[in-house]
Amino acid sequence: MPSTLRWGVVSTGKIANDFVTSMKHVLDPSEHQVIAIASRSLSSAKEFAGRFSIPKVYEGFEGLVNYSEVDVVYIASINTEHFTVSKTALEAGKHVLCEKPMGMNFKLTESLVNLAKSKGVFLMEAIWSRCLPSYSELKSRLESIGEVQYACVEFGRKIKSERISRMDLGGGTVLDLGVYCIQFLNLVFNGEEPTQILTTGSLNTEKTDRNVSSIFKYSDGARVGIISTHSEMNMPCEARVFGSKGSLTLKFPFWASEELECKLESHESGEVIKTPLPVLPKESKYHYNFINSSGLAYEAKHVKECIDKDLKESPLLDHESILQISRHMEKVRKAVGVVYPQDLEA
């Protein structure tokens, strides 16, 4: 019989709903169980628990992270709370899967990675794209296009939510959208450090970024990656990488894509590799808030695989990649003048 991974979930928001729904919808209940839910609002926690038949309910996260039956904590609260909840969970000896950004800046992210290592527990930032079948196909075919020369990716959607605009909520397109763009460059350039990052963009009235565009120069500009984010304009949201022998394109939505287009110079026509994600039955009592959220189940499944193997970091998104992505996000948003209160703390 497979061992059961016992999850505690912090937050009852939209992505938490989708994460738990994906587990209920896709995964074997003998392998994954959500046994505790925490929220700042006790009534919200009780409602969430009732919806998903979760036995333990907590007002605030402290009780959950110290509950002895919880193996791993999934943290889906607002951006500014990720660090504190992660730190408390790690100090309690729990494995942690934390939504991005794990820390509001590089220093905080690095301290969590170091803490996880000292405690000997698993820690992963929830960049779920890395766990999807489309990204597995992308990785397996990268070598076929030769040396990577150029990559471009844009993430622009008209988003009215305060979570992406307000400074006190850790808003801004870089932390919310740009993380997916930057992780794509980290993947296709195989973790290589750019020699220079050039950025332009604009801020909203809250002094968080409404849009940014950055050029990542590799090999002193011989190879280039370009990212763009926008919170007030819908963009194609595809991710393309070009090599000396061809190209690969993750179709919309690139962060949760179900299609990879492969074009090789040695072939007259391109190939489209389809990687369909599970579809929620119409009669289901559950729902998803975001596109292709059933793919979150692959992330939960991967976390269990890592923990079962006693791994402390994911081979799909190791600690060094998490740190590079965090470092680059900080460089990009600071280049357009975004400074969070956490940056000013000693």
Protein backbone atom coordinates (compact mmCIF):
# COMPACT_ATOMS: atom_id res chain seq x y z
CA MET A 1 0.00 0.00 0.00
CA PRO A 2 1.31 3.49 -0.83
CA SER A 3 1.99 5.84 2.04
CA THR A 4 -0.40 8.75 2.52
CA LEU A 5 0.96 12.30 2.42
CA ARG A 6 -0.99 14.44 4.87
CA TRP A 7 -1.40 18.04 3.76
CA GLY A 8 -2.15 21.16 5.74
CA VAL A 9 -3.33 24.14 3.68
CA VAL A 10 -2.88 27.76 4.72
CA SER A 11 -5.44 30.07 3.04
CA THR A 12 -8.91 29.57 1.65
CA GLY A 13 -8.40 31.77 -1.42
CA LYS A 14 -8.87 30.99 -5.09
CA ILE A 15 -5.59 29.17 -5.72
CA ALA A 16 -6.02 27.13 -2.52
CA ASN A 17 -9.44 26.07 -3.79
CA ASP A 18 -7.93 25.03 -7.12
CA PHE A 19 -5.04 23.16 -5.50
CA VAL A 20 -7.31 21.11 -3.25
CA THR A 21 -9.84 20.60 -6.04
CA SER A 22 -7.11 19.24 -8.31
CA MET A 23 -6.08 16.72 -5.66
CA LYS A 24 -9.69 15.63 -5.12
CA HIS A 25 -10.28 15.45 -8.87
CA VAL A 26 -7.06 13.87 -10.15
CA LEU A 27 -5.06 12.12 -7.41
CA ASP A 28 -5.48 8.88 -5.50
CA PRO A 29 -7.01 9.69 -2.06
CA SER A 30 -4.98 6.87 -0.54
CA GLU A 31 -1.82 8.85 -1.41
CA HIS A 32 -2.91 12.42 -0.64
CA GLN A 33 -5.17 13.72 2.12
CA VAL A 34 -5.83 17.30 3.17
CA ILE A 35 -6.29 16.99 6.92
CA ALA A 36 -6.12 20.62 8.08
CA ILE A 37 -7.08 24.08 6.81
CA ALA A 38 -6.14 27.48 8.27
CA SER A 39 -7.39 30.98 7.56
CA ARG A 40 -7.35 34.36 9.22
CA SER A 41 -11.15 34.03 9.19
CA LEU A 42 -12.50 31.07 11.18
CA SER A 43 -15.77 31.17 9.25
CA SER A 44 -13.90 30.96 5.93
CA ALA A 45 -11.85 28.03 7.24
CA LYS A 46 -15.00 26.22 8.37
CA GLU A 47 -16.70 26.79 5.02
CA PHE A 48 -13.63 25.53 3.14
CA ALA A 49 -13.38 22.49 5.44
CA GLY A 50 -17.04 21.67 4.84
CA ARG A 51 -16.66 21.94 1.09
CA PHE A 52 -13.70 19.55 0.98
CA SER A 53 -14.39 17.36 4.06
CA ILE A 54 -11.28 18.53 5.93
CA PRO A 55 -11.31 17.40 9.58
CA LYS A 56 -9.14 20.05 11.27
CA VAL A 57 -9.86 23.79 11.17
CA TYR A 58 -7.63 26.58 12.47
CA GLU A 59 -8.01 30.34 12.84
CA GLY A 60 -4.51 31.52 12.00
CA PHE A 61 -1.68 29.36 10.73
CA GLU A 62 0.26 28.69 13.95
CA GLY A 63 -1.89 25.81 15.11
CA LEU A 64 -1.81 24.11 11.73
CA VAL A 65 1.96 24.19 11.26
CA ASN A 66 2.40 22.74 14.75
CA TYR A 67 -0.22 20.00 14.28
CA SER A 68 1.77 16.77 14.59
CA GLU A 69 -0.29 14.88 11.99
CA VAL A 70 0.57 17.30 9.14
CA ASP A 71 3.47 16.17 6.93
CA VAL A 72 3.61 19.06 4.46
CA VAL A 73 2.20 22.58 4.47
CA TYR A 74 0.90 24.22 1.29
CA ILE A 75 1.03 28.01 1.69
CA ALA A 76 -1.30 30.06 -0.51
CA SER A 77 -1.84 33.22 1.52
CA ILE A 78 -1.11 36.72 0.23
CA ASN A 79 2.43 37.43 -0.99
CA THR A 80 3.52 39.39 2.05
CA GLU A 81 2.66 36.50 4.39
CA HIS A 82 4.54 33.74 2.51
CA PHE A 83 7.85 34.26 4.30
CA THR A 84 6.49 34.28 7.85
CA VAL A 85 4.27 31.23 7.36
CA SER A 86 7.04 29.32 5.55
CA LYS A 87 9.57 30.18 8.24
CA THR A 88 7.25 29.06 11.03
CA ALA A 89 6.40 25.80 9.23
CA LEU A 90 10.06 25.01 8.53
CA GLU A 91 11.00 25.73 12.14
CA ALA A 92 8.28 23.26 13.16
CA GLY A 93 9.99 20.63 11.01
CA LYS A 94 7.36 20.56 8.26
CA HIS A 95 7.95 20.09 4.57
CA VAL A 96 6.79 23.19 2.66
CA LEU A 97 5.30 23.95 -0.74
CA CYS A 98 4.89 27.75 -0.90
CA GLU A 99 3.21 29.78 -3.58
CA LYS A 100 5.38 32.27 -5.41
CA PRO A 101 6.98 34.52 -4.38
CA MET A 102 8.34 32.51 -1.45
CA GLY A 103 9.95 35.71 -0.14
CA MET A 104 9.33 39.33 -1.08
CA ASN A 105 13.01 39.68 -1.97
CA PHE A 106 16.13 37.58 -2.50
CA LYS A 107 17.37 37.93 1.07
CA LEU A 108 14.16 36.48 2.52
CA THR A 109 14.05 33.69 -0.07
CA GLU A 110 17.66 32.75 0.61
CA SER A 111 17.02 32.63 4.36
CA LEU A 112 14.16 30.15 3.82
CA VAL A 113 16.34 27.92 1.65
CA ASN A 114 19.07 27.96 4.29
CA LEU A 115 16.56 27.22 7.06
CA ALA A 116 15.12 24.26 5.15
CA LYS A 117 18.62 22.86 4.67
CA SER A 118 19.43 23.23 8.37
CA LYS A 119 16.18 21.52 9.35
CA GLY A 120 16.60 18.76 6.78
CA VAL A 121 13.13 19.20 5.29
CA PHE A 122 11.77 19.55 1.76
CA LEU A 123 11.15 23.06 0.42
CA MET A 124 9.79 24.05 -2.99
CA GLU A 125 8.36 27.22 -4.48
CA ALA A 126 5.06 26.44 -6.17
CA ILE A 127 6.04 27.22 -9.76
CA TRP A 128 3.74 24.45 -10.95
CA SER A 129 4.66 24.89 -14.62
CA ARG A 130 7.78 22.80 -14.04
CA CYS A 131 5.67 19.76 -13.10
CA LEU A 132 3.39 19.77 -16.14
CA PRO A 133 3.62 17.31 -19.06
CA SER A 134 4.12 20.18 -21.53
CA TYR A 135 7.24 21.30 -19.66
CA SER A 136 8.52 17.73 -19.56
CA GLU A 137 8.17 17.67 -23.36
CA LEU A 138 9.91 21.05 -23.61
CA LYS A 139 12.88 19.85 -21.58
CA SER A 140 13.20 16.59 -23.49
CA ARG A 141 13.22 18.40 -26.85
CA LEU A 142 15.50 21.34 -26.00
CA GLU A 143 18.59 19.52 -27.21
CA SER A 144 16.96 18.90 -30.61
CA ILE A 145 16.92 22.64 -31.45
CA GLY A 146 20.67 23.03 -30.90
CA GLU A 147 22.29 25.79 -28.89
CA VAL A 148 19.71 28.19 -27.48
CA GLN A 149 20.19 31.62 -29.04
CA TYR A 150 17.00 33.56 -28.27
CA ALA A 151 13.91 33.24 -26.09
CA CYS A 152 10.89 35.50 -25.66
CA VAL A 153 7.89 35.25 -23.39
CA GLU A 154 5.11 37.62 -22.45
CA PHE A 155 2.45 37.45 -19.76
CA GLY A 156 -0.16 40.17 -20.03
CA ARG A 157 -3.77 39.98 -18.81
CA LYS A 158 -6.30 42.60 -17.80
CA ILE A 159 -6.36 41.99 -14.04
CA LYS A 160 -8.57 44.08 -11.80
CA SER A 161 -7.68 42.31 -8.55
CA GLU A 162 -6.15 44.44 -5.80
CA ARG A 163 -3.70 41.62 -5.07
CA ILE A 164 -1.71 42.59 -8.18
CA SER A 165 -1.78 46.36 -7.63
CA ARG A 166 -1.58 47.15 -3.91
CA MET A 167 1.80 47.67 -2.28
CA ASP A 168 0.63 46.36 1.10
CA LEU A 169 -0.42 43.06 -0.51
CA GLY A 170 2.90 42.62 -2.28
CA GLY A 171 1.45 43.52 -5.66
CA GLY A 172 3.11 44.10 -9.01
CA THR A 173 3.34 42.22 -12.27
CA VAL A 174 6.91 40.99 -11.71
CA LEU A 175 6.05 38.95 -8.62
CA ASP A 176 2.71 37.72 -9.93
CA LEU A 177 3.29 37.25 -13.67
CA GLY A 178 6.98 37.87 -14.30
CA VAL A 179 7.97 34.92 -12.13
CA TYR A 180 6.61 32.60 -14.84
CA CYS A 181 8.53 34.45 -17.54
CA ILE A 182 11.79 34.44 -15.59
CA GLN A 183 11.49 30.76 -14.70
CA PHE A 184 11.13 30.03 -18.44
CA LEU A 185 14.45 31.77 -19.14
CA ASN A 186 16.03 29.94 -16.21
CA LEU A 187 14.90 26.67 -17.76
CA VAL A 188 15.82 27.16 -21.41
CA PHE A 189 19.17 28.83 -20.63
CA ASN A 190 19.86 26.02 -18.15
CA GLY A 191 20.43 28.27 -15.14
CA GLU A 192 23.11 30.37 -16.85
CA GLU A 193 23.57 33.76 -15.21
CA PRO A 194 22.94 36.66 -17.63
CA THR A 195 25.77 39.13 -18.02
CA GLN A 196 23.29 42.04 -17.98
CA ILE A 197 19.57 42.70 -17.48
CA LEU A 198 18.09 45.82 -19.09
CA THR A 199 14.60 46.83 -17.93
CA THR A 200 11.95 49.44 -18.61
CA GLY A 201 8.38 49.74 -17.35
CA SER A 202 5.87 51.86 -15.49
CA LEU A 203 4.24 52.05 -12.06
CA ASN A 204 0.65 52.47 -10.91
CA THR A 205 -0.54 54.90 -8.25
CA GLU A 206 0.36 52.33 -5.56
CA LYS A 207 3.99 52.40 -6.77
CA THR A 208 3.92 48.77 -7.87
CA ASP A 209 4.72 47.84 -11.48
CA ARG A 210 1.86 47.77 -13.97
CA ASN A 211 4.13 46.60 -16.78
CA VAL A 212 7.77 45.74 -17.37
CA SER A 213 9.92 44.59 -20.28
CA SER A 214 13.42 43.20 -19.78
CA ILE A 215 16.25 42.04 -21.98
CA PHE A 216 18.42 39.32 -20.45
CA LYS A 217 21.81 39.31 -22.15
CA TYR A 218 23.76 36.05 -22.10
CA SER A 219 27.33 35.69 -23.36
CA ASP A 220 27.58 39.51 -23.47
CA GLY A 221 24.58 39.74 -25.77
CA ALA A 222 25.39 36.94 -28.21
CA ARG A 223 22.30 35.18 -26.83
CA VAL A 224 19.22 36.98 -25.54
CA GLY A 225 16.03 36.40 -23.56
CA ILE A 226 13.19 38.93 -23.55
CA ILE A 227 10.28 39.06 -21.10
CA SER A 228 7.26 41.36 -20.89
CA THR A 229 4.48 41.61 -18.31
CA HIS A 230 1.33 43.75 -18.24
CA SER A 231 -1.67 43.99 -15.91
CA GLU A 232 -3.81 46.18 -18.18
CA MET A 233 -3.45 44.48 -21.57
CA ASN A 234 -4.11 40.99 -22.90
CA MET A 235 -1.06 39.56 -24.65
CA PRO A 236 -0.57 36.28 -26.57
CA CYS A 237 1.01 34.64 -23.51
CA GLU A 238 3.20 32.24 -25.43
CA ALA A 239 6.78 31.25 -24.63
CA ARG A 240 9.21 30.73 -27.52
CA VAL A 241 12.79 29.52 -27.61
CA PHE A 242 14.97 29.48 -30.72
CA GLY A 243 18.11 27.44 -31.23
CA SER A 244 20.63 26.85 -34.00
CA LYS A 245 18.53 23.99 -35.39
CA GLY A 246 14.93 25.01 -34.72
CA SER A 247 12.41 26.37 -32.24
CA LEU A 248 9.94 25.36 -29.54
CA THR A 249 6.79 27.25 -28.57
CA LEU A 250 4.60 26.71 -25.52
CA LYS A 251 1.15 27.81 -26.65
CA PHE A 252 -1.29 29.88 -24.57
CA PRO A 253 -1.32 29.73 -21.62
CA PHE A 254 2.44 29.10 -21.58
CA TRP A 255 2.57 28.72 -17.77
CA ALA A 256 -0.03 25.91 -17.95
CA SER A 257 0.16 24.93 -21.59
CA GLU A 258 -1.32 21.83 -23.18
CA GLU A 259 0.47 22.29 -26.51
CA LEU A 260 4.12 22.45 -27.52
CA GLU A 261 5.00 23.34 -31.11
CA CYS A 262 8.31 22.00 -32.40
CA LYS A 263 9.87 23.28 -35.64
CA LEU A 264 13.16 21.82 -36.80
CA GLU A 265 15.12 23.08 -39.79
CA SER A 266 15.68 19.48 -40.83
CA HIS A 267 11.91 18.95 -41.22
CA GLU A 268 9.62 20.66 -43.72
CA SER A 269 6.66 20.87 -41.36
CA GLY A 270 6.39 21.46 -37.65
CA GLU A 271 4.97 19.15 -35.03
CA VAL A 272 2.44 19.98 -32.32
CA ILE A 273 2.70 17.82 -29.21
CA LYS A 274 -0.56 17.83 -27.24
CA THR A 275 -0.48 17.22 -23.49
CA PRO A 276 -4.14 17.53 -22.40
CA LEU A 277 -4.83 18.08 -18.72
CA PRO A 278 -7.72 16.42 -16.87
CA VAL A 279 -11.12 18.09 -17.27
CA LEU A 280 -13.45 18.45 -14.31
CA PRO A 281 -16.72 16.56 -14.92
CA LYS A 282 -19.70 18.83 -15.48
CA GLU A 283 -21.57 17.19 -12.63
CA SER A 284 -18.71 17.81 -10.17
CA LYS A 285 -19.53 19.76 -7.01
CA TYR A 286 -16.09 21.40 -7.25
CA HIS A 287 -14.87 24.21 -9.51
CA TYR A 288 -11.65 25.80 -10.74
CA ASN A 289 -10.99 29.55 -10.64
CA PHE A 290 -8.03 29.63 -13.03
CA ILE A 291 -7.27 28.15 -16.41
CA ASN A 292 -5.97 24.57 -16.50
CA SER A 293 -5.80 24.38 -12.71
CA SER A 294 -6.19 20.61 -12.80
CA GLY A 295 -2.46 20.70 -13.60
CA LEU A 296 -1.80 21.66 -9.97
CA ALA A 297 -2.27 17.98 -9.15
CA TYR A 298 0.99 17.21 -10.97
CA GLU A 299 2.75 19.55 -8.55
CA ALA A 300 1.25 17.83 -5.50
CA LYS A 301 2.15 14.44 -6.98
CA HIS A 302 5.73 15.61 -7.58
CA VAL A 303 6.07 16.85 -4.00
CA LYS A 304 5.06 13.41 -2.72
CA GLU A 305 7.55 11.72 -5.05
CA CYS A 306 10.34 13.94 -3.70
CA ILE A 307 9.40 13.39 -0.06
CA ASP A 308 9.08 9.63 -0.59
CA LYS A 309 12.64 9.65 -1.95
CA ASP A 310 13.82 11.77 1.00
CA LEU A 311 14.78 14.62 -1.33
CA LYS A 312 15.12 18.08 0.21
CA GLU A 313 14.68 19.96 -3.07
CA SER A 314 12.96 19.28 -6.36
CA PRO A 315 15.02 18.10 -9.34
CA LEU A 316 12.55 20.03 -11.52
CA LEU A 317 13.07 23.29 -9.60
CA ASP A 318 16.09 23.04 -7.35
CA HIS A 319 17.05 25.57 -4.71
CA GLU A 320 19.63 27.23 -6.94
CA SER A 321 16.96 27.86 -9.60
CA ILE A 322 14.58 29.26 -6.96
CA LEU A 323 17.31 31.62 -5.78
CA GLN A 324 18.23 32.75 -9.29
CA ILE A 325 14.59 33.44 -10.16
CA SER A 326 14.19 35.44 -6.94
CA ARG A 327 17.39 37.39 -7.59
CA HIS A 328 16.30 38.27 -11.12
CA MET A 329 12.80 39.29 -10.04
CA GLU A 330 14.32 41.69 -7.55
CA LYS A 331 16.67 43.19 -10.15
CA VAL A 332 13.84 43.69 -12.65
CA ARG A 333 11.33 45.33 -10.32
CA LYS A 334 13.96 47.52 -8.61
CA ALA A 335 15.05 48.75 -12.05
CA VAL A 336 11.62 50.37 -12.49
CA GLY A 337 11.55 51.72 -8.93
CA VAL A 338 9.50 49.12 -7.05
CA VAL A 339 10.65 48.99 -3.42
CA TYR A 340 8.70 46.94 -0.89
CA PRO A 341 8.72 47.67 2.87
CA GLN A 342 10.54 44.33 3.31
CA ASP A 343 13.47 45.74 1.30
CA LEU A 344 13.95 48.45 3.90
CA GLU A 345 14.01 46.12 6.89
CA ALA A 346 17.39 45.28 8.40
